[in-house]
Amino acid sequence: MAPKKFGAGGRDSSNLASITNYGIVSQGRRAACDAVHVSKKLLKSTGKAAWIAGTTFLILVVPLIIELERDQQLSEIEFQQASLLGTPAAGAMY
């Protein structure tokens, strides 16, 4: 019994060629390519949305945090000055 031939001219390669010519195989291949294309577009737009959200956070929230920290530092300085001068600070309760 002779071994089966694989590759050009062999029976298995002709069967493979006839299977790949079926319409359902072409439709499956097209569907897979479309799914890859949509996935790439989704990942790209998700990345853009994340970048926009991060940038918006930096623009809107970080200045507020800096201002709050500055106000807290000013309050501490006023309290220290008032205690050095011997007068109670305006908002201090004992």
PDB file of N, CA and C in Angstrom:
ATOM      1  N   MET A   1       0.839  -1.172   0.000  1.00  0.00           N
ATOM      2  CA  MET A   1       0.000   0.000   0.000  1.00  0.00           C
ATOM      3  C   MET A   1       0.891   1.244   0.000  1.00  0.00           C
ATOM      4  N   ALA A   2       0.667   2.109  -0.947  1.00  0.00           N
ATOM      5  CA  ALA A   2       1.480   3.313  -1.104  1.00  0.00           C
ATOM      6  C   ALA A   2       1.001   4.385  -0.125  1.00  0.00           C
ATOM      7  N   PRO A   3       1.930   5.197   0.414  1.00  0.00           N
ATOM      8  CA  PRO A   3       1.528   6.273   1.326  1.00  0.00           C
ATOM      9  C   PRO A   3       0.754   7.341   0.573  1.00  0.00           C
ATOM     10  N   LYS A   4      -0.117   8.059   1.317  1.00  0.00           N
ATOM     11  CA  LYS A   4      -0.921   9.122   0.702  1.00  0.00           C
ATOM     12  C   LYS A   4      -0.025  10.288   0.337  1.00  0.00           C
ATOM     13  N   LYS A   5      -0.335  10.894  -0.795  1.00  0.00           N
ATOM     14  CA  LYS A   5       0.396  12.075  -1.229  1.00  0.00           C
ATOM     15  C   LYS A   5      -0.293  13.320  -0.673  1.00  0.00           C
ATOM     16  N   PHE A   6       0.513  14.232  -0.173  1.00  0.00           N
ATOM     17  CA  PHE A   6       0.003  15.523   0.266  1.00  0.00           C
ATOM     18  C   PHE A   6       0.697  16.590  -0.563  1.00  0.00           C
ATOM     19  N   GLY A   7      -0.007  17.628  -0.894  1.00  0.00           N
ATOM     20  CA  GLY A   7       0.603  18.719  -1.643  1.00  0.00           C
ATOM     21  C   GLY A   7       0.056  18.767  -3.052  1.00  0.00           C
ATOM     22  N   ALA A   8       0.791  19.405  -3.925  1.00  0.00           N
ATOM     23  CA  ALA A   8       0.332  19.630  -5.297  1.00  0.00           C
ATOM     24  C   ALA A   8       0.157  18.313  -6.026  1.00  0.00           C
ATOM     25  N   GLY A   9      -0.980  18.174  -6.642  1.00  0.00           N
ATOM     26  CA  GLY A   9      -1.243  16.999  -7.456  1.00  0.00           C
ATOM     27  C   GLY A   9      -1.780  15.811  -6.679  1.00  0.00           C
ATOM     28  N   GLY A  10      -1.743  15.848  -5.355  1.00  0.00           N
ATOM     29  CA  GLY A  10      -2.249  14.743  -4.553  1.00  0.00           C
ATOM     30  C   GLY A  10      -3.756  14.829  -4.388  1.00  0.00           C
ATOM     31  N   ARG A  11      -4.331  13.725  -3.983  1.00  0.00           N
ATOM     32  CA  ARG A  11      -5.780  13.651  -3.854  1.00  0.00           C
ATOM     33  C   ARG A  11      -6.263  14.553  -2.721  1.00  0.00           C
ATOM     34  N   ASP A  12      -5.519  14.601  -1.603  1.00  0.00           N
ATOM     35  CA  ASP A  12      -5.950  15.407  -0.462  1.00  0.00           C
ATOM     36  C   ASP A  12      -5.922  16.886  -0.788  1.00  0.00           C
ATOM     37  N   SER A  13      -4.973  17.319  -1.573  1.00  0.00           N
ATOM     38  CA  SER A  13      -4.919  18.741  -1.922  1.00  0.00           C
ATOM     39  C   SER A  13      -6.086  19.121  -2.820  1.00  0.00           C
ATOM     40  N   SER A  14      -6.520  18.224  -3.680  1.00  0.00           N
ATOM     41  CA  SER A  14      -7.663  18.542  -4.542  1.00  0.00           C
ATOM     42  C   SER A  14      -8.944  18.582  -3.719  1.00  0.00           C
ATOM     43  N   ASN A  15      -9.043  17.723  -2.709  1.00  0.00           N
ATOM     44  CA  ASN A  15     -10.203  17.779  -1.827  1.00  0.00           C
ATOM     45  C   ASN A  15     -10.222  19.090  -1.050  1.00  0.00           C
ATOM     46  N   LEU A  16      -9.072  19.507  -0.591  1.00  0.00           N
ATOM     47  CA  LEU A  16      -8.970  20.773   0.137  1.00  0.00           C
ATOM     48  C   LEU A  16      -9.353  21.938  -0.766  1.00  0.00           C
ATOM     49  N   ALA A  17      -8.894  21.901  -1.998  1.00  0.00           N
ATOM     50  CA  ALA A  17      -9.228  22.968  -2.948  1.00  0.00           C
ATOM     51  C   ALA A  17     -10.726  23.003  -3.221  1.00  0.00           C
ATOM     52  N   SER A  18     -11.348  21.850  -3.331  1.00  0.00           N
ATOM     53  CA  SER A  18     -12.786  21.842  -3.618  1.00  0.00           C
ATOM     54  C   SER A  18     -13.582  22.314  -2.401  1.00  0.00           C
ATOM     55  N   ILE A  19     -13.080  22.035  -1.197  1.00  0.00           N
ATOM     56  CA  ILE A  19     -13.783  22.494   0.007  1.00  0.00           C
ATOM     57  C   ILE A  19     -13.675  23.998   0.138  1.00  0.00           C
ATOM     58  N   THR A  20     -12.508  24.551  -0.141  1.00  0.00           N
ATOM     59  CA  THR A  20     -12.327  25.992   0.002  1.00  0.00           C
ATOM     60  C   THR A  20     -13.098  26.777  -1.049  1.00  0.00           C
ATOM     61  N   ASN A  21     -13.559  26.123  -2.083  1.00  0.00           N
ATOM     62  CA  ASN A  21     -14.341  26.805  -3.107  1.00  0.00           C
ATOM     63  C   ASN A  21     -15.820  26.868  -2.764  1.00  0.00           C
ATOM     64  N   TYR A  22     -16.254  26.218  -1.691  1.00  0.00           N
ATOM     65  CA  TYR A  22     -17.657  26.284  -1.299  1.00  0.00           C
ATOM     66  C   TYR A  22     -18.014  27.707  -0.893  1.00  0.00           C
ATOM     67  N   GLY A  23     -19.252  28.064  -1.144  1.00  0.00           N
ATOM     68  CA  GLY A  23     -19.725  29.411  -0.803  1.00  0.00           C
ATOM     69  C   GLY A  23     -19.717  29.673   0.688  1.00  0.00           C
ATOM     70  N   ILE A  24     -20.047  28.659   1.472  1.00  0.00           N
ATOM     71  CA  ILE A  24     -20.106  28.844   2.918  1.00  0.00           C
ATOM     72  C   ILE A  24     -18.723  29.155   3.494  1.00  0.00           C
ATOM     73  N   VAL A  25     -17.691  28.594   2.886  1.00  0.00           N
ATOM     74  CA  VAL A  25     -16.325  28.863   3.341  1.00  0.00           C
ATOM     75  C   VAL A  25     -15.963  30.311   3.022  1.00  0.00           C
ATOM     76  N   SER A  26     -16.344  30.765   1.845  1.00  0.00           N
ATOM     77  CA  SER A  26     -16.075  32.164   1.476  1.00  0.00           C
ATOM     78  C   SER A  26     -16.825  33.121   2.392  1.00  0.00           C
ATOM     79  N   GLN A  27     -18.067  32.780   2.711  1.00  0.00           N
ATOM     80  CA  GLN A  27     -18.847  33.630   3.617  1.00  0.00           C
ATOM     81  C   GLN A  27     -18.223  33.656   5.010  1.00  0.00           C
ATOM     82  N   GLY A  28     -17.754  32.511   5.475  1.00  0.00           N
ATOM     83  CA  GLY A  28     -17.105  32.453   6.783  1.00  0.00           C
ATOM     84  C   GLY A  28     -15.838  33.264   6.820  1.00  0.00           C
ATOM     85  N   ARG A  29     -15.057  33.173   5.737  1.00  0.00           N
ATOM     86  CA  ARG A  29     -13.820  33.943   5.660  1.00  0.00           C
ATOM     87  C   ARG A  29     -14.122  35.444   5.659  1.00  0.00           C
ATOM     88  N   ARG A  30     -15.145  35.846   4.886  1.00  0.00           N
ATOM     89  CA  ARG A  30     -15.533  37.258   4.854  1.00  0.00           C
ATOM     90  C   ARG A  30     -16.022  37.721   6.230  1.00  0.00           C
ATOM     91  N   ALA A  31     -16.805  36.881   6.897  1.00  0.00           N
ATOM     92  CA  ALA A  31     -17.311  37.238   8.223  1.00  0.00           C
ATOM     93  C   ALA A  31     -16.166  37.388   9.220  1.00  0.00           C
ATOM     94  N   ALA A  32     -15.177  36.518   9.132  1.00  0.00           N
ATOM     95  CA  ALA A  32     -14.017  36.609  10.028  1.00  0.00           C
ATOM     96  C   ALA A  32     -13.240  37.887   9.762  1.00  0.00           C
ATOM     97  N   CYS A  33     -13.042  38.225   8.512  1.00  0.00           N
ATOM     98  CA  CYS A  33     -12.320  39.464   8.171  1.00  0.00           C
ATOM     99  C   CYS A  33     -13.089  40.687   8.647  1.00  0.00           C
ATOM    100  N   ASP A  34     -14.414  40.655   8.484  1.00  0.00           N
ATOM    101  CA  ASP A  34     -15.234  41.770   8.952  1.00  0.00           C
ATOM    102  C   ASP A  34     -15.160  41.900  10.475  1.00  0.00           C
ATOM    103  N   ALA A  35     -15.163  40.772  11.171  1.00  0.00           N
ATOM    104  CA  ALA A  35     -15.071  40.800  12.638  1.00  0.00           C
ATOM    105  C   ALA A  35     -13.736  41.388  13.090  1.00  0.00           C
ATOM    106  N   VAL A  36     -12.665  41.046  12.409  1.00  0.00           N
ATOM    107  CA  VAL A  36     -11.353  41.600  12.745  1.00  0.00           C
ATOM    108  C   VAL A  36     -11.344  43.107  12.497  1.00  0.00           C
ATOM    109  N   HIS A  37     -11.914  43.531  11.384  1.00  0.00           N
ATOM    110  CA  HIS A  37     -11.957  44.955  11.047  1.00  0.00           C
ATOM    111  C   HIS A  37     -12.746  45.738  12.101  1.00  0.00           C
ATOM    112  N   VAL A  38     -13.906  45.227  12.488  1.00  0.00           N
ATOM    113  CA  VAL A  38     -14.744  45.900  13.484  1.00  0.00           C
ATOM    114  C   VAL A  38     -14.028  45.923  14.835  1.00  0.00           C
ATOM    115  N   SER A  39     -13.362  44.837  15.186  1.00  0.00           N
ATOM    116  CA  SER A  39     -12.636  44.785  16.456  1.00  0.00           C
ATOM    117  C   SER A  39     -11.524  45.831  16.499  1.00  0.00           C
ATOM    118  N   LYS A  40     -10.801  45.981  15.405  1.00  0.00           N
ATOM    119  CA  LYS A  40      -9.737  46.990  15.352  1.00  0.00           C
ATOM    120  C   LYS A  40     -10.312  48.397  15.514  1.00  0.00           C
ATOM    121  N   LYS A  41     -11.428  48.671  14.831  1.00  0.00           N
ATOM    122  CA  LYS A  41     -12.044  49.986  14.939  1.00  0.00           C
ATOM    123  C   LYS A  41     -12.539  50.241  16.361  1.00  0.00           C
ATOM    124  N   LEU A  42     -13.096  49.197  17.004  1.00  0.00           N
ATOM    125  CA  LEU A  42     -13.593  49.337  18.368  1.00  0.00           C
ATOM    126  C   LEU A  42     -12.451  49.628  19.338  1.00  0.00           C
ATOM    127  N   LEU A  43     -11.355  48.903  19.196  1.00  0.00           N
ATOM    128  CA  LEU A  43     -10.201  49.145  20.067  1.00  0.00           C
ATOM    129  C   LEU A  43      -9.646  50.553  19.874  1.00  0.00           C
ATOM    130  N   LYS A  44      -9.602  50.994  18.629  1.00  0.00           N
ATOM    131  CA  LYS A  44      -9.077  52.327  18.351  1.00  0.00           C
ATOM    132  C   LYS A  44      -9.982  53.399  18.962  1.00  0.00           C
ATOM    133  N   SER A  45     -11.293  53.261  18.798  1.00  0.00           N
ATOM    134  CA  SER A  45     -12.201  54.269  19.346  1.00  0.00           C
ATOM    135  C   SER A  45     -12.244  54.205  20.870  1.00  0.00           C
ATOM    136  N   THR A  46     -12.075  53.019  21.452  1.00  0.00           N
ATOM    137  CA  THR A  46     -12.023  52.905  22.904  1.00  0.00           C
ATOM    138  C   THR A  46     -10.791  53.611  23.439  1.00  0.00           C
ATOM    139  N   GLY A  47      -9.676  53.462  22.757  1.00  0.00           N
ATOM    140  CA  GLY A  47      -8.456  54.154  23.160  1.00  0.00           C
ATOM    141  C   GLY A  47      -8.611  55.662  23.074  1.00  0.00           C
ATOM    142  N   LYS A  48      -9.270  56.128  22.026  1.00  0.00           N
ATOM    143  CA  LYS A  48      -9.509  57.566  21.894  1.00  0.00           C
ATOM    144  C   LYS A  48     -10.407  58.067  23.020  1.00  0.00           C
ATOM    145  N   ALA A  49     -11.438  57.296  23.346  1.00  0.00           N
ATOM    146  CA  ALA A  49     -12.350  57.703  24.418  1.00  0.00           C
ATOM    147  C   ALA A  49     -11.625  57.756  25.758  1.00  0.00           C
ATOM    148  N   ALA A  50     -10.752  56.801  26.008  1.00  0.00           N
ATOM    149  CA  ALA A  50      -9.986  56.802  27.256  1.00  0.00           C
ATOM    150  C   ALA A  50      -9.050  58.006  27.310  1.00  0.00           C
ATOM    151  N   TRP A  51      -8.444  58.357  26.199  1.00  0.00           N
ATOM    152  CA  TRP A  51      -7.552  59.513  26.155  1.00  0.00           C
ATOM    153  C   TRP A  51      -8.341  60.793  26.427  1.00  0.00           C
ATOM    154  N   ILE A  52      -9.520  60.922  25.821  1.00  0.00           N
ATOM    155  CA  ILE A  52     -10.356  62.105  26.017  1.00  0.00           C
ATOM    156  C   ILE A  52     -10.789  62.205  27.478  1.00  0.00           C
ATOM    157  N   ALA A  53     -11.193  61.086  28.069  1.00  0.00           N
ATOM    158  CA  ALA A  53     -11.620  61.099  29.471  1.00  0.00           C
ATOM    159  C   ALA A  53     -10.470  61.501  30.388  1.00  0.00           C
ATOM    160  N   GLY A  54      -9.298  60.959  30.150  1.00  0.00           N
ATOM    161  CA  GLY A  54      -8.142  61.312  30.973  1.00  0.00           C
ATOM    162  C   GLY A  54      -7.764  62.766  30.844  1.00  0.00           C
ATOM    163  N   THR A  55      -7.772  63.270  29.627  1.00  0.00           N
ATOM    164  CA  THR A  55      -7.432  64.673  29.394  1.00  0.00           C
ATOM    165  C   THR A  55      -8.460  65.591  30.051  1.00  0.00           C
ATOM    166  N   THR A  56      -9.735  65.238  29.937  1.00  0.00           N
ATOM    167  CA  THR A  56     -10.790  66.037  30.557  1.00  0.00           C
ATOM    168  C   THR A  56     -10.617  66.066  32.072  1.00  0.00           C
ATOM    169  N   PHE A  57     -10.266  64.916  32.648  1.00  0.00           N
ATOM    170  CA  PHE A  57     -10.016  64.862  34.089  1.00  0.00           C
ATOM    171  C   PHE A  57      -8.891  65.815  34.470  1.00  0.00           C
ATOM    172  N   LEU A  58      -7.813  65.783  33.712  1.00  0.00           N
ATOM    173  CA  LEU A  58      -6.678  66.655  34.026  1.00  0.00           C
ATOM    174  C   LEU A  58      -7.047  68.126  33.910  1.00  0.00           C
ATOM    175  N   ILE A  59      -7.842  68.463  32.907  1.00  0.00           N
ATOM    176  CA  ILE A  59      -8.184  69.860  32.670  1.00  0.00           C
ATOM    177  C   ILE A  59      -9.173  70.381  33.710  1.00  0.00           C
ATOM    178  N   LEU A  60     -10.166  69.555  34.087  1.00  0.00           N
ATOM    179  CA  LEU A  60     -11.226  70.024  34.969  1.00  0.00           C
ATOM    180  C   LEU A  60     -10.975  69.778  36.451  1.00  0.00           C
ATOM    181  N   VAL A  61     -10.422  68.653  36.810  1.00  0.00           N
ATOM    182  CA  VAL A  61     -10.349  68.262  38.218  1.00  0.00           C
ATOM    183  C   VAL A  61      -9.042  68.679  38.873  1.00  0.00           C
ATOM    184  N   VAL A  62      -7.941  68.534  38.201  1.00  0.00           N
ATOM    185  CA  VAL A  62      -6.646  68.827  38.819  1.00  0.00           C
ATOM    186  C   VAL A  62      -6.544  70.289  39.278  1.00  0.00           C
ATOM    187  N   PRO A  63      -6.989  71.279  38.521  1.00  0.00           N
ATOM    188  CA  PRO A  63      -6.937  72.661  39.040  1.00  0.00           C
ATOM    189  C   PRO A  63      -7.766  72.833  40.317  1.00  0.00           C
ATOM    190  N   LEU A  64      -8.888  72.125  40.427  1.00  0.00           N
ATOM    191  CA  LEU A  64      -9.691  72.211  41.648  1.00  0.00           C
ATOM    192  C   LEU A  64      -8.934  71.641  42.841  1.00  0.00           C
ATOM    193  N   ILE A  65      -8.250  70.552  42.635  1.00  0.00           N
ATOM    194  CA  ILE A  65      -7.463  69.933  43.708  1.00  0.00           C
ATOM    195  C   ILE A  65      -6.344  70.872  44.135  1.00  0.00           C
ATOM    196  N   ILE A  66      -5.692  71.490  43.162  1.00  0.00           N
ATOM    197  CA  ILE A  66      -4.606  72.426  43.472  1.00  0.00           C
ATOM    198  C   ILE A  66      -5.142  73.618  44.263  1.00  0.00           C
ATOM    199  N   GLU A  67      -6.314  74.122  43.873  1.00  0.00           N
ATOM    200  CA  GLU A  67      -6.909  75.260  44.578  1.00  0.00           C
ATOM    201  C   GLU A  67      -7.276  74.886  46.011  1.00  0.00           C
ATOM    202  N   LEU A  68      -7.814  73.696  46.214  1.00  0.00           N
ATOM    203  CA  LEU A  68      -8.164  73.247  47.566  1.00  0.00           C
ATOM    204  C   LEU A  68      -6.913  73.131  48.438  1.00  0.00           C
ATOM    205  N   GLU A  69      -5.852  72.596  47.867  1.00  0.00           N
ATOM    206  CA  GLU A  69      -4.599  72.484  48.613  1.00  0.00           C
ATOM    207  C   GLU A  69      -4.047  73.868  48.963  1.00  0.00           C
ATOM    208  N   ARG A  70      -4.145  74.793  48.042  1.00  0.00           N
ATOM    209  CA  ARG A  70      -3.667  76.160  48.285  1.00  0.00           C
ATOM    210  C   ARG A  70      -4.480  76.808  49.407  1.00  0.00           C
ATOM    211  N   ASP A  71      -5.811  76.630  49.382  1.00  0.00           N
ATOM    212  CA  ASP A  71      -6.654  77.184  50.441  1.00  0.00           C
ATOM    213  C   ASP A  71      -6.302  76.582  51.801  1.00  0.00           C
ATOM    214  N   GLN A  72      -6.036  75.292  51.823  1.00  0.00           N
ATOM    215  CA  GLN A  72      -5.666  74.640  53.079  1.00  0.00           C
ATOM    216  C   GLN A  72      -4.327  75.180  53.594  1.00  0.00           C
ATOM    217  N   GLN A  73      -3.376  75.381  52.703  1.00  0.00           N
ATOM    218  CA  GLN A  73      -2.081  75.925  53.112  1.00  0.00           C
ATOM    219  C   GLN A  73      -2.236  77.351  53.647  1.00  0.00           C
ATOM    220  N   LEU A  74      -3.072  78.157  52.991  1.00  0.00           N
ATOM    221  CA  LEU A  74      -3.297  79.523  53.469  1.00  0.00           C
ATOM    222  C   LEU A  74      -3.947  79.519  54.845  1.00  0.00           C
ATOM    223  N   SER A  75      -4.884  78.622  55.065  1.00  0.00           N
ATOM    224  CA  SER A  75      -5.532  78.522  56.378  1.00  0.00           C
ATOM    225  C   SER A  75      -4.520  78.147  57.449  1.00  0.00           C
ATOM    226  N   GLU A  76      -3.635  77.225  57.144  1.00  0.00           N
ATOM    227  CA  GLU A  76      -2.613  76.828  58.102  1.00  0.00           C
ATOM    228  C   GLU A  76      -1.662  77.981  58.408  1.00  0.00           C
ATOM    229  N   ILE A  77      -1.282  78.745  57.383  1.00  0.00           N
ATOM    230  CA  ILE A  77      -0.388  79.885  57.585  1.00  0.00           C
ATOM    231  C   ILE A  77      -1.076  80.951  58.445  1.00  0.00           C
ATOM    232  N   GLU A  78      -2.364  81.214  58.181  1.00  0.00           N
ATOM    233  CA  GLU A  78      -3.092  82.200  58.980  1.00  0.00           C
ATOM    234  C   GLU A  78      -3.180  81.746  60.432  1.00  0.00           C
ATOM    235  N   PHE A  79      -3.418  80.463  60.648  1.00  0.00           N
ATOM    236  CA  PHE A  79      -3.500  79.939  62.011  1.00  0.00           C
ATOM    237  C   PHE A  79      -2.151  80.080  62.715  1.00  0.00           C
ATOM    238  N   GLN A  80      -1.075  79.778  62.006  1.00  0.00           N
ATOM    239  CA  GLN A  80       0.257  79.906  62.608  1.00  0.00           C
ATOM    240  C   GLN A  80       0.562  81.360  62.938  1.00  0.00           C
ATOM    241  N   GLN A  81       0.222  82.274  62.033  1.00  0.00           N
ATOM    242  CA  GLN A  81       0.475  83.700  62.290  1.00  0.00           C
ATOM    243  C   GLN A  81      -0.339  84.202  63.478  1.00  0.00           C
ATOM    244  N   ALA A  82      -1.586  83.754  63.542  1.00  0.00           N
ATOM    245  CA  ALA A  82      -2.446  84.190  64.642  1.00  0.00           C
ATOM    246  C   ALA A  82      -1.938  83.653  65.973  1.00  0.00           C
ATOM    247  N   SER A  83      -1.450  82.435  65.976  1.00  0.00           N
ATOM    248  CA  SER A  83      -0.942  81.877  67.234  1.00  0.00           C
ATOM    249  C   SER A  83       0.368  82.542  67.625  1.00  0.00           C
ATOM    250  N   LEU A  84       1.162  82.981  66.672  1.00  0.00           N
ATOM    251  CA  LEU A  84       2.408  83.696  66.990  1.00  0.00           C
ATOM    252  C   LEU A  84       2.115  85.076  67.568  1.00  0.00           C
ATOM    253  N   LEU A  85       1.064  85.705  67.066  1.00  0.00           N
ATOM    254  CA  LEU A  85       0.710  87.047  67.535  1.00  0.00           C
ATOM    255  C   LEU A  85      -0.071  86.997  68.841  1.00  0.00           C
ATOM    256  N   GLY A  86      -0.519  85.822  69.230  1.00  0.00           N
ATOM    257  CA  GLY A  86      -1.224  85.678  70.492  1.00  0.00           C
ATOM    258  C   GLY A  86      -2.721  85.869  70.395  1.00  0.00           C
ATOM    259  N   THR A  87      -3.232  86.093  69.219  1.00  0.00           N
ATOM    260  CA  THR A  87      -4.694  86.231  69.068  1.00  0.00           C
ATOM    261  C   THR A  87      -5.235  84.950  68.492  1.00  0.00           C
ATOM    262  N   PRO A  88      -6.424  84.511  68.908  1.00  0.00           N
ATOM    263  CA  PRO A  88      -7.002  83.293  68.358  1.00  0.00           C
ATOM    264  C   PRO A  88      -7.392  83.506  66.901  1.00  0.00           C
ATOM    265  N   ALA A  89      -7.245  82.469  66.139  1.00  0.00           N
ATOM    266  CA  ALA A  89      -7.593  82.543  64.725  1.00  0.00           C
ATOM    267  C   ALA A  89      -9.092  82.706  64.588  1.00  0.00           C
ATOM    268  N   ALA A  90      -9.536  83.273  63.476  1.00  0.00           N
ATOM    269  CA  ALA A  90     -10.951  83.588  63.282  1.00  0.00           C
ATOM    270  C   ALA A  90     -11.829  82.338  63.369  1.00  0.00           C
ATOM    271  N   GLY A  91     -11.396  81.237  62.845  1.00  0.00           N
ATOM    272  CA  GLY A  91     -12.234  80.038  62.835  1.00  0.00           C
ATOM    273  C   GLY A  91     -11.847  79.017  63.872  1.00  0.00           C
ATOM    274  N   ALA A  92     -10.912  79.328  64.735  1.00  0.00           N
ATOM    275  CA  ALA A  92     -10.425  78.346  65.710  1.00  0.00           C
ATOM    276  C   ALA A  92     -11.368  78.257  66.897  1.00  0.00           C
ATOM    277  N   MET A  93     -11.655  77.051  67.322  1.00  0.00           N
ATOM    278  CA  MET A  93     -12.512  76.827  68.501  1.00  0.00           C
ATOM    279  C   MET A  93     -11.705  76.026  69.501  1.00  0.00           C
ATOM    280  N   TYR A  94     -11.746  76.453  70.757  1.00  0.00           N
ATOM    281  CA  TYR A  94     -11.001  75.740  71.803  1.00  0.00           C
ATOM    282  C   TYR A  94     -11.942  75.063  72.739  1.00  0.00           C
TER     283      TYR A  94
END
